[in-house]
């Protein structure tokens, strides 16, 4: 528009350079709001669902805890608890009664899908005490039987020894002298000792088992009235033991049983 003005031409190229920078700034300015707009839009949908979440907190029903407690109270009743306690206590006094009670209590609790520690402990204790008790009873019976056997054997041995003493007394009263030599005269028949027997009973035959009376003895005459052999029953050894008078001994083979 101003061709004659020399100053205008240099100013015109500078003006278009400015609008070139302006679009760059405009592009940058347009890009910046593009970046901010999605950032502003993102929290908006996040806030909207967060608002309805607040009323979702009181979702627990007001009557739910009582119902749970009611359901928990029902299995709390252990059907074998009472018997388990009784069986556990009886283990220390009457294990023969406590053992079946503990077993029944354990089975009842198991059927109800519940644990019963006292019933299990009662089964163990009752079994142990029962075994120990039976062992002690057996030992006591055996000890008592041993005492009885020793007592009976002592009675039988005393009776046999008394018969031997009577045989020696008989020989002392009836022995004869042949010059300076003494001829023994030990009893050879029941009539010879019947009046002297006080604490013994002559057996009717050889003793093959324990007699009804511990004082029952076998009486033998040995040799030509040179001695006697008296047998008694040993209840511990379950055999006949012998006592000897005069020249009789364990090696004597000429002895004859004397009976009534």
Protein backbone atom coordinates (compact mmCIF):
# COMPACT_ATOMS: atom_id res chain seq x y z
CA UNK A 1 0.00 0.00 0.00
CA UNK A 2 3.01 2.24 0.53
CA UNK A 3 5.35 1.61 -2.40
CA UNK A 4 7.05 4.91 -2.19
CA UNK A 5 7.91 4.56 1.47
CA UNK A 6 11.31 2.91 1.86
CA UNK A 7 10.82 2.01 5.45
CA UNK A 8 7.81 -0.14 5.08
CA UNK A 9 9.30 -3.08 3.20
CA UNK A 10 11.65 -4.24 6.00
CA UNK A 11 8.88 -4.10 8.54
CA UNK A 12 6.58 -6.34 6.56
CA UNK A 13 8.79 -9.45 6.68
CA UNK A 14 9.11 -9.13 10.43
CA UNK A 15 5.35 -9.19 10.92
CA UNK A 16 4.79 -12.53 9.24
CA UNK A 17 7.52 -14.07 11.40
CA UNK A 18 5.55 -13.21 14.48
CA UNK A 19 2.42 -14.96 13.37
CA UNK A 20 4.56 -18.06 12.72
CA UNK A 21 5.56 -18.15 16.33
CA UNK A 22 2.05 -17.45 17.42
CA UNK A 23 0.61 -20.60 15.90
CA UNK A 24 3.31 -22.59 17.65
CA UNK A 25 2.37 -21.01 20.92
CA UNK A 26 -1.23 -21.49 20.04
CA UNK A 27 -0.61 -25.13 19.30
CA UNK A 28 1.14 -25.47 22.56
CA UNK A 29 -1.62 -23.59 24.28
CA UNK A 30 -4.17 -25.80 22.59
CA UNK A 31 -2.27 -28.88 23.56
CA UNK A 32 -2.08 -27.90 27.18
CA UNK A 33 -5.78 -27.67 27.67
CA UNK A 34 -6.06 -31.00 25.82
CA UNK A 35 -3.88 -32.57 28.51
CA UNK A 36 -5.75 -30.96 31.34
CA UNK A 37 -9.19 -31.78 30.08
CA UNK A 38 -8.87 -35.57 30.46
CA UNK A 39 -7.28 -35.05 33.85
CA UNK A 40 -10.28 -33.07 34.95
CA UNK A 41 -12.66 -35.61 33.49
CA UNK A 42 -10.99 -38.62 35.19
CA UNK A 43 -11.75 -37.65 38.83
CA UNK A 44 -15.32 -36.78 37.88
CA UNK A 45 -16.38 -40.41 37.22
CA UNK A 46 -14.34 -41.59 40.23
CA UNK A 47 -16.22 -39.31 42.59
CA UNK A 48 -19.65 -40.27 41.28
CA UNK A 49 -19.37 -44.05 42.18
CA UNK A 50 -17.71 -43.18 45.47
CA UNK A 51 -20.84 -41.38 46.65
CA UNK A 52 -23.17 -44.40 46.55
CA UNK A 53 -20.56 -46.52 48.38
CA UNK A 54 -21.23 -44.66 51.62
CA UNK A 55 -24.70 -46.09 52.17
CA UNK A 56 -23.29 -49.57 51.40
CA UNK A 57 -21.40 -49.62 54.71
CA UNK A 58 -24.38 -50.48 56.89
CA UNK A 59 -24.99 -53.63 54.87
CA UNK A 60 -24.70 -55.93 57.92
CA UNK A 61 -28.19 -56.84 59.03
CA UNK A 62 -29.12 -55.81 62.52
CA UNK A 63 -30.26 -59.36 63.42
CA UNK A 64 -27.27 -61.22 61.91
CA UNK A 65 -25.19 -61.42 65.14
CA UNK A 66 -28.04 -62.94 67.17
CA UNK A 67 -28.57 -65.55 64.45
CA UNK A 68 -24.88 -66.42 64.40
CA UNK A 69 -24.84 -66.66 68.17
CA UNK A 70 -27.90 -68.90 68.05
CA UNK A 71 -26.23 -71.19 65.56
CA UNK A 72 -23.05 -71.22 67.60
CA UNK A 73 -24.94 -71.99 70.81
CA UNK A 74 -26.45 -75.15 69.37
CA UNK A 75 -23.18 -77.03 68.63
CA UNK A 76 -21.73 -75.77 71.92
CA UNK A 77 -23.76 -78.49 73.68
CA UNK A 78 -21.50 -81.54 73.71
CA UNK A 79 -23.62 -84.68 74.23
CA UNK A 80 -20.71 -86.63 75.67
CA UNK A 81 -19.33 -83.98 78.00
CA UNK A 82 -21.05 -85.21 81.17
CA UNK A 83 -20.12 -88.84 80.63
CA UNK A 84 -16.59 -87.79 79.73
CA UNK A 85 -16.17 -86.02 83.07
CA UNK A 86 -17.64 -88.99 84.96
CA UNK A 87 -15.41 -91.48 83.16
CA UNK A 88 -12.32 -89.35 83.77
CA UNK A 89 -13.05 -89.12 87.52
CA UNK A 90 -13.87 -92.81 87.84
CA UNK A 91 -10.50 -93.68 86.32
CA UNK A 92 -8.92 -92.96 89.71
CA UNK A 93 -11.39 -95.08 91.68
CA UNK A 94 -13.24 -97.64 89.52
CA UNK A 95 -11.54 -97.92 86.12
CA UNK A 96 -13.61 -100.96 85.27
CA UNK A 97 -16.67 -98.63 85.30
CA UNK A 98 -14.93 -95.51 84.03
CA UNK A 99 -13.61 -97.18 80.86
CA UNK A 100 -17.01 -97.97 79.26
CA UNK A 101 -18.35 -94.55 80.28
CA UNK A 102 -15.39 -92.81 78.64
CA UNK A 103 -15.83 -94.87 75.47
CA UNK A 104 -19.55 -94.04 75.26
CA UNK A 105 -18.82 -90.33 75.88
CA UNK A 106 -16.17 -90.28 73.16
CA UNK A 107 -18.48 -91.96 70.64
CA UNK A 108 -21.33 -89.55 71.41
CA UNK A 109 -19.09 -86.53 70.91
CA UNK A 110 -17.65 -88.00 67.74
CA UNK A 111 -21.15 -88.60 66.37
CA UNK A 112 -21.91 -84.92 66.97
CA UNK A 113 -18.66 -83.95 65.17
CA UNK A 114 -17.24 -82.52 68.39
CA UNK A 115 -14.07 -83.18 70.35
CA UNK A 116 -14.05 -84.59 73.86
CA UNK A 117 -10.59 -84.42 75.40
CA UNK A 118 -11.75 -85.63 78.82
CA UNK A 119 -13.33 -88.72 77.29
CA UNK A 120 -10.15 -89.53 75.38
CA UNK A 121 -8.03 -88.96 78.49
CA UNK A 122 -10.49 -91.11 80.45
CA UNK A 123 -10.10 -93.96 77.97
CA UNK A 124 -6.32 -93.83 78.30
CA UNK A 125 -6.26 -93.50 82.09
CA UNK A 126 -8.93 -96.13 82.66
CA UNK A 127 -7.11 -98.58 80.38
CA UNK A 128 -3.78 -97.99 82.11
CA UNK A 129 -5.24 -98.18 85.62
CA UNK A 130 -7.27 -101.24 84.71
CA UNK A 131 -4.23 -103.08 83.39
CA UNK A 132 -2.18 -102.03 86.41
CA UNK A 133 -5.01 -103.02 88.74
CA UNK A 134 -5.37 -106.45 87.15
CA UNK A 135 -1.62 -106.95 87.37
CA UNK A 136 -1.60 -105.96 91.03
CA UNK A 137 -4.53 -108.28 91.76
CA UNK A 138 -2.76 -111.13 89.98
CA UNK A 139 0.43 -110.47 91.90
CA UNK A 140 -1.51 -110.30 95.16
CA UNK A 141 -3.34 -113.54 94.40
CA UNK A 142 -0.09 -115.24 93.43
CA UNK A 143 1.61 -113.93 96.52
CA UNK A 144 -1.29 -115.06 98.66
CA UNK A 145 -1.29 -118.41 96.92
CA UNK A 146 2.46 -118.65 97.51
CA UNK A 147 1.96 -117.85 101.19
CA UNK A 148 -0.77 -120.47 101.39
CA UNK A 149 1.41 -123.02 99.64
CA UNK A 150 4.30 -122.34 101.99
CA UNK A 151 1.98 -122.57 104.97
CA UNK A 152 0.55 -125.89 103.82
CA UNK A 153 3.99 -127.24 103.02
CA UNK A 154 5.21 -126.23 106.46
CA UNK A 155 2.23 -128.03 108.05
CA UNK A 156 2.89 -131.17 106.00
CA UNK A 157 6.62 -131.14 106.74
CA UNK A 158 5.92 -130.66 110.46
CA UNK A 159 3.52 -133.62 110.45
CA UNK A 160 6.07 -135.82 108.68
CA UNK A 161 8.82 -134.81 111.08
CA UNK A 162 6.58 -135.58 114.04
CA UNK A 163 6.05 -139.09 112.65
CA UNK A 164 9.82 -139.51 112.26
CA UNK A 165 10.27 -138.41 115.88
CA UNK A 166 7.66 -140.93 117.00
CA UNK A 167 9.45 -143.66 115.03
CA UNK A 168 12.72 -142.79 116.79
CA UNK A 169 10.94 -142.89 120.15
CA UNK A 170 9.44 -146.28 119.25
CA UNK A 171 12.87 -147.60 118.36
CA UNK A 172 14.35 -146.27 121.61
CA UNK A 173 11.71 -148.12 123.60
CA UNK A 174 11.72 -151.40 121.64
CA UNK A 175 15.29 -151.83 120.39
CA UNK A 176 17.10 -155.01 121.56
CA UNK A 177 20.67 -155.85 122.35
CA UNK A 178 22.53 -158.72 120.80
CA UNK A 179 25.59 -158.76 123.02
CA UNK A 180 27.08 -155.31 122.67
CA UNK A 181 25.27 -154.72 119.44
CA UNK A 182 21.97 -152.87 119.36
CA UNK A 183 19.30 -154.37 117.11
CA UNK A 184 16.98 -151.58 115.89
CA UNK A 185 13.25 -152.10 116.13
CA UNK A 186 11.50 -149.37 114.14
CA UNK A 187 7.73 -149.56 113.66
CA UNK A 188 6.63 -151.75 110.78
CA UNK A 189 2.84 -151.71 111.11
CA UNK A 190 0.15 -149.14 111.66
CA UNK A 191 -0.60 -150.65 115.04
CA UNK A 192 2.94 -149.85 116.13
CA UNK A 193 2.44 -146.10 115.72
CA UNK A 194 -1.33 -145.60 115.84
CA UNK A 195 -1.23 -144.67 119.52
CA UNK A 196 1.64 -142.22 118.91
CA UNK A 197 0.19 -140.32 115.96
CA UNK A 198 -1.40 -137.05 117.06
CA UNK A 199 -0.90 -134.41 114.35
CA UNK A 200 -0.68 -136.61 111.24
CA UNK A 201 -2.91 -138.81 109.13
CA UNK A 202 -1.56 -141.84 107.31
CA UNK A 203 -2.29 -141.88 103.59
CA UNK A 204 -4.14 -144.85 102.17
CA UNK A 205 -1.68 -145.00 99.28
CA UNK A 206 1.20 -143.12 97.65
CA UNK A 207 0.59 -139.39 97.33
CA UNK A 208 0.21 -138.43 93.68
CA UNK A 209 -1.48 -135.05 94.24
CA UNK A 210 -2.07 -132.56 97.00
CA UNK A 211 -4.14 -134.20 99.76
CA UNK A 212 -7.16 -132.54 101.27
CA UNK A 213 -5.39 -132.43 104.64
CA UNK A 214 -1.82 -131.06 104.55
CA UNK A 215 -0.96 -133.29 107.54
CA UNK A 216 -1.52 -136.47 105.47
CA UNK A 217 1.74 -138.45 105.21
CA UNK A 218 3.09 -141.64 103.68
CA UNK A 219 4.67 -144.08 106.12
CA UNK A 220 7.18 -146.71 104.99
CA UNK A 221 9.06 -149.40 106.85
CA UNK A 222 12.54 -150.04 105.47
CA UNK A 223 14.74 -153.11 105.80
CA UNK A 224 14.19 -155.46 108.73
CA UNK A 225 12.79 -152.74 111.00
CA UNK A 226 16.04 -150.80 110.56
CA UNK A 227 14.36 -147.52 109.60
CA UNK A 228 11.37 -145.65 108.29
CA UNK A 229 10.63 -143.27 105.46
CA UNK A 230 7.90 -140.65 105.85
CA UNK A 231 6.64 -138.68 102.85
CA UNK A 232 4.71 -135.42 102.80
CA UNK A 233 3.34 -133.27 99.97
CA UNK A 234 5.28 -130.15 99.00
CA UNK A 235 2.67 -127.67 97.74
CA UNK A 236 5.23 -125.37 96.12
CA UNK A 237 7.15 -128.12 94.31
CA UNK A 238 3.98 -130.19 93.76
CA UNK A 239 5.82 -133.37 94.66
CA UNK A 240 6.41 -135.69 97.61
CA UNK A 241 9.31 -134.94 99.93
CA UNK A 242 10.67 -137.47 102.41
CA UNK A 243 12.08 -137.51 105.92
CA UNK A 244 14.00 -140.53 107.24
CA UNK A 245 14.43 -142.35 110.52
CA UNK A 246 17.10 -144.94 111.43
CA UNK A 247 19.13 -146.36 108.58
CA UNK A 248 16.61 -145.40 105.88
CA UNK A 249 17.74 -142.91 103.24
CA UNK A 250 16.96 -141.72 99.76
CA UNK A 251 18.83 -144.70 98.35
CA UNK A 252 16.78 -147.25 100.30
CA UNK A 253 14.92 -149.49 97.88
CA UNK A 254 13.48 -151.98 100.37
CA UNK A 255 10.79 -149.78 101.87
CA UNK A 256 7.15 -150.85 102.11
CA UNK A 257 4.18 -148.53 102.46
CA UNK A 258 2.26 -149.01 105.69
CA UNK A 259 -1.47 -148.23 105.71
CA UNK A 260 -4.24 -148.70 108.21
